[in-house]
Structures are given as C-alpha cells and as structure tokens.
PDB file of N, CA and C in Angstrom:
ATOM      1  N   MET A   1      24.126 210.880 158.000  1.00  0.00           N
ATOM      2  CA  MET A   1      23.981 209.573 158.562  1.00  0.00           C
ATOM      3  C   MET A   1      23.530 208.618 157.460  1.00  0.00           C
ATOM      4  N   THR A   2      24.171 207.465 157.417  1.00  0.00           N
ATOM      5  CA  THR A   2      23.881 206.490 156.373  1.00  0.00           C
ATOM      6  C   THR A   2      23.089 205.326 156.958  1.00  0.00           C
ATOM      7  N   ILE A   3      22.028 204.946 156.277  1.00  0.00           N
ATOM      8  CA  ILE A   3      21.212 203.811 156.703  1.00  0.00           C
ATOM      9  C   ILE A   3      21.453 202.662 155.731  1.00  0.00           C
ATOM     10  N   THR A   4      21.810 201.549 156.253  1.00  0.00           N
ATOM     11  CA  THR A   4      22.035 200.380 155.416  1.00  0.00           C
ATOM     12  C   THR A   4      20.827 199.471 155.514  1.00  0.00           C
ATOM     13  N   LEU A   5      20.193 199.200 154.386  1.00  0.00           N
ATOM     14  CA  LEU A   5      19.001 198.362 154.385  1.00  0.00           C
ATOM     15  C   LEU A   5      19.323 196.884 154.228  1.00  0.00           C
ATOM     16  N   ASN A   6      20.379 196.579 153.558  1.00  0.00           N
ATOM     17  CA  ASN A   6      20.727 195.183 153.310  1.00  0.00           C
ATOM     18  C   ASN A   6      21.885 194.760 154.210  1.00  0.00           C
ATOM     19  N   HIS A   7      21.740 194.994 155.480  1.00  0.00           N
ATOM     20  CA  HIS A   7      22.801 194.618 156.426  1.00  0.00           C
ATOM     21  C   HIS A   7      22.718 193.122 156.693  1.00  0.00           C
ATOM     22  N   ARG A   8      23.770 192.444 156.373  1.00  0.00           N
ATOM     23  CA  ARG A   8      23.805 191.002 156.607  1.00  0.00           C
ATOM     24  C   ARG A   8      24.460 190.723 157.946  1.00  0.00           C
ATOM     25  N   SER A   9      23.868 189.796 158.662  1.00  0.00           N
ATOM     26  CA  SER A   9      24.491 189.396 159.920  1.00  0.00           C
ATOM     27  C   SER A   9      25.700 188.537 159.599  1.00  0.00           C
ATOM     28  N   PRO A  10      26.654 188.471 160.505  1.00  0.00           N
ATOM     29  CA  PRO A  10      27.822 187.644 160.242  1.00  0.00           C
ATOM     30  C   PRO A  10      27.391 186.193 160.020  1.00  0.00           C
ATOM     31  N   SER A  11      28.134 185.511 159.170  1.00  0.00           N
ATOM     32  CA  SER A  11      27.761 184.135 158.837  1.00  0.00           C
ATOM     33  C   SER A  11      27.791 183.280 160.108  1.00  0.00           C
ATOM     34  N   PRO A  12      26.859 182.344 160.232  1.00  0.00           N
ATOM     35  CA  PRO A  12      26.836 181.513 161.427  1.00  0.00           C
ATOM     36  C   PRO A  12      28.093 180.646 161.498  1.00  0.00           C
ATOM     37  N   ARG A  13      28.550 180.439 162.707  1.00  0.00           N
ATOM     38  CA  ARG A  13      29.749 179.628 162.889  1.00  0.00           C
ATOM     39  C   ARG A  13      29.461 178.193 162.492  1.00  0.00           C
ATOM     40  N   SER A  14      30.491 177.521 162.106  1.00  0.00           N
ATOM     41  CA  SER A  14      30.330 176.128 161.708  1.00  0.00           C
ATOM     42  C   SER A  14      30.022 175.283 162.945  1.00  0.00           C
ATOM     43  N   LEU A  15      29.530 174.113 162.697  1.00  0.00           N
ATOM     44  CA  LEU A  15      29.190 173.198 163.794  1.00  0.00           C
ATOM     45  C   LEU A  15      30.429 172.862 164.618  1.00  0.00           C
ATOM     46  N   ARG A  16      31.540 172.708 163.949  1.00  0.00           N
ATOM     47  CA  ARG A  16      32.789 172.403 164.647  1.00  0.00           C
ATOM     48  C   ARG A  16      33.194 173.554 165.573  1.00  0.00           C
ATOM     49  N   GLY A  17      33.020 174.775 165.094  1.00  0.00           N
ATOM     50  CA  GLY A  17      33.354 175.946 165.905  1.00  0.00           C
ATOM     51  C   GLY A  17      32.426 176.084 167.099  1.00  0.00           C
ATOM     52  N   ARG A  18      31.147 175.803 166.883  1.00  0.00           N
ATOM     53  CA  ARG A  18      30.187 175.865 167.989  1.00  0.00           C
ATOM     54  C   ARG A  18      30.515 174.835 169.056  1.00  0.00           C
ATOM     55  N   CYS A  19      30.833 173.607 168.627  1.00  0.00           N
ATOM     56  CA  CYS A  19      31.157 172.547 169.600  1.00  0.00           C
ATOM     57  C   CYS A  19      32.427 172.888 170.377  1.00  0.00           C
ATOM     58  N   ALA A  20      33.408 173.453 169.685  1.00  0.00           N
ATOM     59  CA  ALA A  20      34.649 173.821 170.354  1.00  0.00           C
ATOM     60  C   ALA A  20      34.411 174.929 171.369  1.00  0.00           C
ATOM     61  N   ALA A  21      33.599 175.913 171.007  1.00  0.00           N
ATOM     62  CA  ALA A  21      33.298 177.004 171.937  1.00  0.00           C
ATOM     63  C   ALA A  21      32.497 176.491 173.127  1.00  0.00           C
ATOM     64  N   TRP A  22      31.592 175.554 172.870  1.00  0.00           N
ATOM     65  CA  TRP A  22      30.771 174.968 173.943  1.00  0.00           C
ATOM     66  C   TRP A  22      31.640 174.185 174.918  1.00  0.00           C
ATOM     67  N   ALA A  23      32.640 173.467 174.400  1.00  0.00           N
ATOM     68  CA  ALA A  23      33.508 172.662 175.252  1.00  0.00           C
ATOM     69  C   ALA A  23      34.495 173.527 176.034  1.00  0.00           C
ATOM     70  N   ARG A  24      34.915 174.655 175.464  1.00  0.00           N
ATOM     71  CA  ARG A  24      35.899 175.512 176.127  1.00  0.00           C
ATOM     72  C   ARG A  24      35.304 176.357 177.239  1.00  0.00           C
ATOM     73  N   GLY A  25      34.222 177.017 176.956  1.00  0.00           N
ATOM     74  CA  GLY A  25      33.687 177.994 177.896  1.00  0.00           C
ATOM     75  C   GLY A  25      32.912 177.363 179.036  1.00  0.00           C
ATOM     76  N   PRO A  26      32.972 177.967 180.220  1.00  0.00           N
ATOM     77  CA  PRO A  26      32.198 177.438 181.354  1.00  0.00           C
ATOM     78  C   PRO A  26      30.733 177.853 181.221  1.00  0.00           C
ATOM     79  N   THR A  27      29.909 176.942 180.758  1.00  0.00           N
ATOM     80  CA  THR A  27      28.503 177.259 180.590  1.00  0.00           C
ATOM     81  C   THR A  27      27.658 176.367 181.470  1.00  0.00           C
ATOM     82  N   PHE A  28      26.552 176.895 181.889  1.00  0.00           N
ATOM     83  CA  PHE A  28      25.621 176.143 182.729  1.00  0.00           C
ATOM     84  C   PHE A  28      25.005 174.988 181.937  1.00  0.00           C
ATOM     85  N   ALA A  29      24.703 175.231 180.674  1.00  0.00           N
ATOM     86  CA  ALA A  29      24.108 174.185 179.839  1.00  0.00           C
ATOM     87  C   ALA A  29      25.058 173.002 179.695  1.00  0.00           C
ATOM     88  N   ARG A  30      26.335 173.273 179.512  1.00  0.00           N
ATOM     89  CA  ARG A  30      27.314 172.191 179.380  1.00  0.00           C
ATOM     90  C   ARG A  30      27.380 171.370 180.661  1.00  0.00           C
ATOM     91  N   ASP A  31      27.382 172.034 181.799  1.00  0.00           N
ATOM     92  CA  ASP A  31      27.441 171.319 183.066  1.00  0.00           C
ATOM     93  C   ASP A  31      26.206 170.439 183.267  1.00  0.00           C
ATOM     94  N   ILE A  32      25.049 170.951 182.912  1.00  0.00           N
ATOM     95  CA  ILE A  32      23.812 170.174 183.039  1.00  0.00           C
ATOM     96  C   ILE A  32      23.854 168.954 182.123  1.00  0.00           C
ATOM     97  N   VAL A  33      24.318 169.134 180.890  1.00  0.00           N
ATOM     98  CA  VAL A  33      24.387 168.012 179.945  1.00  0.00           C
ATOM     99  C   VAL A  33      25.347 166.944 180.459  1.00  0.00           C
ATOM    100  N   ILE A  34      26.473 167.350 181.003  1.00  0.00           N
ATOM    101  CA  ILE A  34      27.449 166.380 181.521  1.00  0.00           C
ATOM    102  C   ILE A  34      26.858 165.610 182.700  1.00  0.00           C
ATOM    103  N   VAL A  35      26.216 166.305 183.620  1.00  0.00           N
ATOM    104  CA  VAL A  35      25.628 165.636 184.782  1.00  0.00           C
ATOM    105  C   VAL A  35      24.519 164.675 184.349  1.00  0.00           C
ATOM    106  N   LEU A  36      23.671 165.089 183.416  1.00  0.00           N
ATOM    107  CA  LEU A  36      22.603 164.212 182.940  1.00  0.00           C
ATOM    108  C   LEU A  36      23.162 162.989 182.216  1.00  0.00           C
ATOM    109  N   ALA A  37      24.230 163.155 181.463  1.00  0.00           N
ATOM    110  CA  ALA A  37      24.843 162.016 180.772  1.00  0.00           C
ATOM    111  C   ALA A  37      25.416 161.015 181.781  1.00  0.00           C
ATOM    112  N   ILE A  38      26.049 161.518 182.839  1.00  0.00           N
ATOM    113  CA  ILE A  38      26.588 160.633 183.874  1.00  0.00           C
ATOM    114  C   ILE A  38      25.467 159.901 184.596  1.00  0.00           C
ATOM    115  N   LYS A  39      24.403 160.601 184.934  1.00  0.00           N
ATOM    116  CA  LYS A  39      23.266 159.966 185.609  1.00  0.00           C
ATOM    117  C   LYS A  39      22.634 158.895 184.732  1.00  0.00           C
ATOM    118  N   PHE A  40      22.458 159.199 183.449  1.00  0.00           N
ATOM    119  CA  PHE A  40      21.874 158.225 182.531  1.00  0.00           C
ATOM    120  C   PHE A  40      22.749 156.979 182.437  1.00  0.00           C
ATOM    121  N   ALA A  41      24.067 157.166 182.357  1.00  0.00           N
ATOM    122  CA  ALA A  41      24.982 156.021 182.283  1.00  0.00           C
ATOM    123  C   ALA A  41      24.894 155.176 183.555  1.00  0.00           C
ATOM    124  N   LEU A  42      24.851 155.820 184.713  1.00  0.00           N
ATOM    125  CA  LEU A  42      24.751 155.070 185.969  1.00  0.00           C
ATOM    126  C   LEU A  42      23.426 154.325 186.072  1.00  0.00           C
ATOM    127  N   LEU A  43      22.337 154.947 185.649  1.00  0.00           N
ATOM    128  CA  LEU A  43      21.042 154.262 185.682  1.00  0.00           C
ATOM    129  C   LEU A  43      21.024 153.053 184.751  1.00  0.00           C
ATOM    130  N   MET A  44      21.637 153.172 183.585  1.00  0.00           N
ATOM    131  CA  MET A  44      21.682 152.030 182.661  1.00  0.00           C
ATOM    132  C   MET A  44      22.536 150.904 183.245  1.00  0.00           C
ATOM    133  N   ILE A  45      23.637 151.245 183.893  1.00  0.00           N
ATOM    134  CA  ILE A  45      24.472 150.219 184.530  1.00  0.00           C
ATOM    135  C   ILE A  45      23.692 149.500 185.618  1.00  0.00           C
ATOM    136  N   LEU A  46      22.974 150.252 186.453  1.00  0.00           N
ATOM    137  CA  LEU A  46      22.170 149.629 187.504  1.00  0.00           C
ATOM    138  C   LEU A  46      21.062 148.759 186.926  1.00  0.00           C
ATOM    139  N   LYS A  47      20.429 149.218 185.866  1.00  0.00           N
ATOM    140  CA  LYS A  47      19.362 148.435 185.238  1.00  0.00           C
ATOM    141  C   LYS A  47      19.901 147.108 184.726  1.00  0.00           C
ATOM    142  N   TYR A  48      20.985 147.152 183.992  1.00  0.00           N
ATOM    143  CA  TYR A  48      21.538 145.915 183.436  1.00  0.00           C
ATOM    144  C   TYR A  48      22.116 145.016 184.518  1.00  0.00           C
ATOM    145  N   ALA A  49      22.612 145.591 185.599  1.00  0.00           N
ATOM    146  CA  ALA A  49      23.209 144.780 186.648  1.00  0.00           C
ATOM    147  C   ALA A  49      22.165 144.088 187.525  1.00  0.00           C
ATOM    148  N   PHE A  50      21.050 144.767 187.815  1.00  0.00           N
ATOM    149  CA  PHE A  50      20.129 144.230 188.804  1.00  0.00           C
ATOM    150  C   PHE A  50      18.737 143.892 188.281  1.00  0.00           C
ATOM    151  N   PHE A  51      18.282 144.510 187.202  1.00  0.00           N
ATOM    152  CA  PHE A  51      16.887 144.360 186.816  1.00  0.00           C
ATOM    153  C   PHE A  51      16.675 143.717 185.454  1.00  0.00           C
ATOM    154  N   ASN A  52      17.706 143.318 184.764  1.00  0.00           N
ATOM    155  CA  ASN A  52      17.528 142.778 183.430  1.00  0.00           C
ATOM    156  C   ASN A  52      16.974 141.359 183.441  1.00  0.00           C
ATOM    157  N   HIS A  53      17.483 140.508 184.293  1.00  0.00           N
ATOM    158  CA  HIS A  53      17.078 139.104 184.319  1.00  0.00           C
ATOM    159  C   HIS A  53      16.801 138.691 185.758  1.00  0.00           C
ATOM    160  N   PRO A  54      15.870 137.763 185.955  1.00  0.00           N
ATOM    161  CA  PRO A  54      15.651 137.264 187.323  1.00  0.00           C
ATOM    162  C   PRO A  54      16.863 136.455 187.800  1.00  0.00           C
ATOM    163  N   GLN A  55      16.980 136.300 189.091  1.00  0.00           N
ATOM    164  CA  GLN A  55      18.115 135.586 189.649  1.00  0.00           C
ATOM    165  C   GLN A  55      18.117 134.106 189.247  1.00  0.00           C
ATOM    166  N   ALA A  56      16.944 133.505 189.185  1.00  0.00           N
ATOM    167  CA  ALA A  56      16.840 132.099 188.821  1.00  0.00           C
ATOM    168  C   ALA A  56      15.624 131.917 187.922  1.00  0.00           C
ATOM    169  N   ASP A  57      15.612 130.812 187.183  1.00  0.00           N
ATOM    170  CA  ASP A  57      14.505 130.565 186.267  1.00  0.00           C
ATOM    171  C   ASP A  57      13.190 130.369 186.991  1.00  0.00           C
ATOM    172  N   HIS A  58      13.223 129.784 188.171  1.00  0.00           N
ATOM    173  CA  HIS A  58      11.976 129.535 188.889  1.00  0.00           C
ATOM    174  C   HIS A  58      11.364 130.819 189.468  1.00  0.00           C
ATOM    175  N   MET A  59      12.060 131.937 189.343  1.00  0.00           N
ATOM    176  CA  MET A  59      11.531 133.189 189.864  1.00  0.00           C
ATOM    177  C   MET A  59      10.662 133.922 188.850  1.00  0.00           C
ATOM    178  N   SER A  60      10.539 133.405 187.646  1.00  0.00           N
ATOM    179  CA  SER A  60       9.727 134.051 186.622  1.00  0.00           C
ATOM    180  C   SER A  60       8.259 133.705 186.824  1.00  0.00           C
ATOM    181  N   MET A  61       7.387 134.667 186.541  1.00  0.00           N
ATOM    182  CA  MET A  61       5.947 134.452 186.622  1.00  0.00           C
ATOM    183  C   MET A  61       5.307 134.973 185.350  1.00  0.00           C
ATOM    184  N   PRO A  62       4.231 134.327 184.921  1.00  0.00           N
ATOM    185  CA  PRO A  62       3.529 134.857 183.748  1.00  0.00           C
ATOM    186  C   PRO A  62       2.937 136.234 184.048  1.00  0.00           C
ATOM    187  N   PRO A  63       2.921 137.135 183.069  1.00  0.00           N
ATOM    188  CA  PRO A  63       2.388 138.483 183.300  1.00  0.00           C
ATOM    189  C   PRO A  63       0.937 138.490 183.757  1.00  0.00           C
ATOM    190  N   ALA A  64       0.140 137.553 183.287  1.00  0.00           N
ATOM    191  CA  ALA A  64      -1.266 137.505 183.699  1.00  0.00           C
ATOM    192  C   ALA A  64      -1.387 137.207 185.196  1.00  0.00           C
ATOM    193  N   GLN A  65      -0.543 136.346 185.693  1.00  0.00           N
ATOM    194  CA  GLN A  65      -0.582 136.010 187.117  1.00  0.00           C
ATOM    195  C   GLN A  65      -0.111 137.193 187.967  1.00  0.00           C
ATOM    196  N   VAL A  66       0.857 137.926 187.490  1.00  0.00           N
ATOM    197  CA  VAL A  66       1.335 139.111 188.212  1.00  0.00           C
ATOM    198  C   VAL A  66       0.232 140.164 188.256  1.00  0.00           C
ATOM    199  N   ALA A  67      -0.438 140.382 187.139  1.00  0.00           N
ATOM    200  CA  ALA A  67      -1.533 141.354 187.097  1.00  0.00           C
ATOM    201  C   ALA A  67      -2.658 140.937 188.022  1.00  0.00           C
ATOM    202  N   GLN A  68      -2.969 139.651 188.056  1.00  0.00           N
ATOM    203  CA  GLN A  68      -4.024 139.144 188.944  1.00  0.00           C
ATOM    204  C   GLN A  68      -3.663 139.413 190.401  1.00  0.00           C
ATOM    205  N   ALA A  69      -2.411 139.176 190.757  1.00  0.00           N
ATOM    206  CA  ALA A  69      -1.981 139.387 192.142  1.00  0.00           C
ATOM    207  C   ALA A  69      -1.970 140.867 192.510  1.00  0.00           C
ATOM    208  N   LEU A  70      -1.632 141.724 191.559  1.00  0.00           N
ATOM    209  CA  LEU A  70      -1.561 143.153 191.858  1.00  0.00           C
ATOM    210  C   LEU A  70      -2.926 143.816 191.934  1.00  0.00           C
ATOM    211  N   PHE A  71      -3.829 143.431 191.054  1.00  0.00           N
ATOM    212  CA  PHE A  71      -5.097 144.138 190.949  1.00  0.00           C
ATOM    213  C   PHE A  71      -6.276 143.431 191.590  1.00  0.00           C
ATOM    214  N   ASP A  72      -6.076 142.256 192.134  1.00  0.00           N
ATOM    215  CA  ASP A  72      -7.165 141.519 192.768  1.00  0.00           C
ATOM    216  C   ASP A  72      -7.417 142.099 194.155  1.00  0.00           C
ATOM    217  N   ILE A  73      -8.658 142.456 194.417  1.00  0.00           N
ATOM    218  CA  ILE A  73      -9.033 143.004 195.719  1.00  0.00           C
ATOM    219  C   ILE A  73      -9.654 141.870 196.525  1.00  0.00           C
ATOM    220  N   PRO A  74      -9.052 141.532 197.653  1.00  0.00           N
ATOM    221  CA  PRO A  74      -9.616 140.436 198.439  1.00  0.00           C
ATOM    222  C   PRO A  74     -10.986 140.809 199.003  1.00  0.00           C
ATOM    223  N   ALA A  75     -11.875 139.824 199.042  1.00  0.00           N
ATOM    224  CA  ALA A  75     -13.222 140.066 199.571  1.00  0.00           C
ATOM    225  C   ALA A  75     -13.144 140.251 201.075  1.00  0.00           C
ATOM    226  N   SER A  76     -13.849 141.242 201.559  1.00  0.00           N
ATOM    227  CA  SER A  76     -13.845 141.458 203.004  1.00  0.00           C
ATOM    228  C   SER A  76     -14.845 140.499 203.653  1.00  0.00           C
ATOM    229  N   HIS A  77     -14.495 140.007 204.799  1.00  0.00           N
ATOM    230  CA  HIS A  77     -15.361 139.087 205.517  1.00  0.00           C
ATOM    231  C   HIS A  77     -16.369 139.883 206.338  1.00  0.00           C
ATOM    232  N   PRO A  78     -17.620 139.437 206.353  1.00  0.00           N
ATOM    233  CA  PRO A  78     -18.593 140.158 207.188  1.00  0.00           C
ATOM    234  C   PRO A  78     -18.191 140.042 208.661  1.00  0.00           C
ATOM    235  N   SER A  79     -18.357 141.136 209.340  1.00  0.00           N
ATOM    236  CA  SER A  79     -17.924 141.121 210.738  1.00  0.00           C
ATOM    237  C   SER A  79     -18.905 140.297 211.597  1.00  0.00           C
ATOM    238  N   GLN A  80     -18.319 139.552 212.440  1.00  0.00           N
ATOM    239  CA  GLN A  80     -19.107 138.765 213.387  1.00  0.00           C
ATOM    240  C   GLN A  80     -18.637 139.163 214.782  1.00  0.00           C
ATOM    241  N   GLY A  81     -19.355 140.038 215.381  1.00  0.00           N
ATOM    242  CA  GLY A  81     -18.983 140.480 216.710  1.00  0.00           C
ATOM    243  C   GLY A  81     -18.172 141.765 216.672  1.00  0.00           C
ATOM    244  N   ASP A  82     -17.533 142.057 217.762  1.00  0.00           N
ATOM    245  CA  ASP A  82     -16.742 143.277 217.868  1.00  0.00           C
ATOM    246  C   ASP A  82     -15.468 143.174 217.022  1.00  0.00           C
ATOM    247  N   PRO A  83     -15.029 144.313 216.437  1.00  0.00           N
ATOM    248  CA  PRO A  83     -13.827 144.263 215.605  1.00  0.00           C
ATOM    249  C   PRO A  83     -12.578 143.908 216.391  1.00  0.00           C
ATOM    250  N   HIS A  84     -12.546 144.225 217.686  1.00  0.00           N
ATOM    251  CA  HIS A  84     -11.352 143.934 218.450  1.00  0.00           C
ATOM    252  C   HIS A  84     -11.234 142.451 218.801  1.00  0.00           C
ATOM    253  N   ALA A  85     -12.294 141.695 218.604  1.00  0.00           N
ATOM    254  CA  ALA A  85     -12.274 140.281 218.964  1.00  0.00           C
ATOM    255  C   ALA A  85     -11.757 139.413 217.808  1.00  0.00           C
ATOM    256  N   ARG A  86     -11.509 139.976 216.663  1.00  0.00           N
ATOM    257  CA  ARG A  86     -11.047 139.177 215.521  1.00  0.00           C
ATOM    258  C   ARG A  86      -9.662 138.699 215.683  1.00  0.00           C
TER     259      ARG A  86
END
C-alpha cells in the first residue's frame, strides 16, 4: 500500500466556471438569491414611487417639530369628579 504525503487537491475552478455551475444547477441558494433580489427591487420601486418626496411643498415639516409632536407627552388633567362624567 502506498501513502502519498504531498497529495494536492484539484485546482479550484475559475470564477467563470463557478458562476456557470451556479446558474445551471437547481440550488436552494440560487433560488433564495433570486427571490431576495426581486424583493429588493420591488421595495426600491415602492420607496421611490411613494416615499421619496412629499406630495406638495406645504406638506413638509421641520424635523424638530416632528420630533416634538412624536415625543411630547400631553399633561394629564387632574380629575374633577367621577371619571365617567368627563
């Protein structure tokens, strides 16, 4: 029995060969990548179509005013009488 100590693995395939094999064979990874690419493209289309710019110039608000409206906690009024009578 012969033991080979310097056994070299076959040379790695070129990038072109790997891409061709990836595109030809039915792989789960390829399907996931294709679905994610389609979803990303659709999300970018929706973003640019609906969320990029306000509908009109008068609809813009300064960021400080938006933050004030979002994080401001209104003061509660002291109760005067029964809660159901308010």
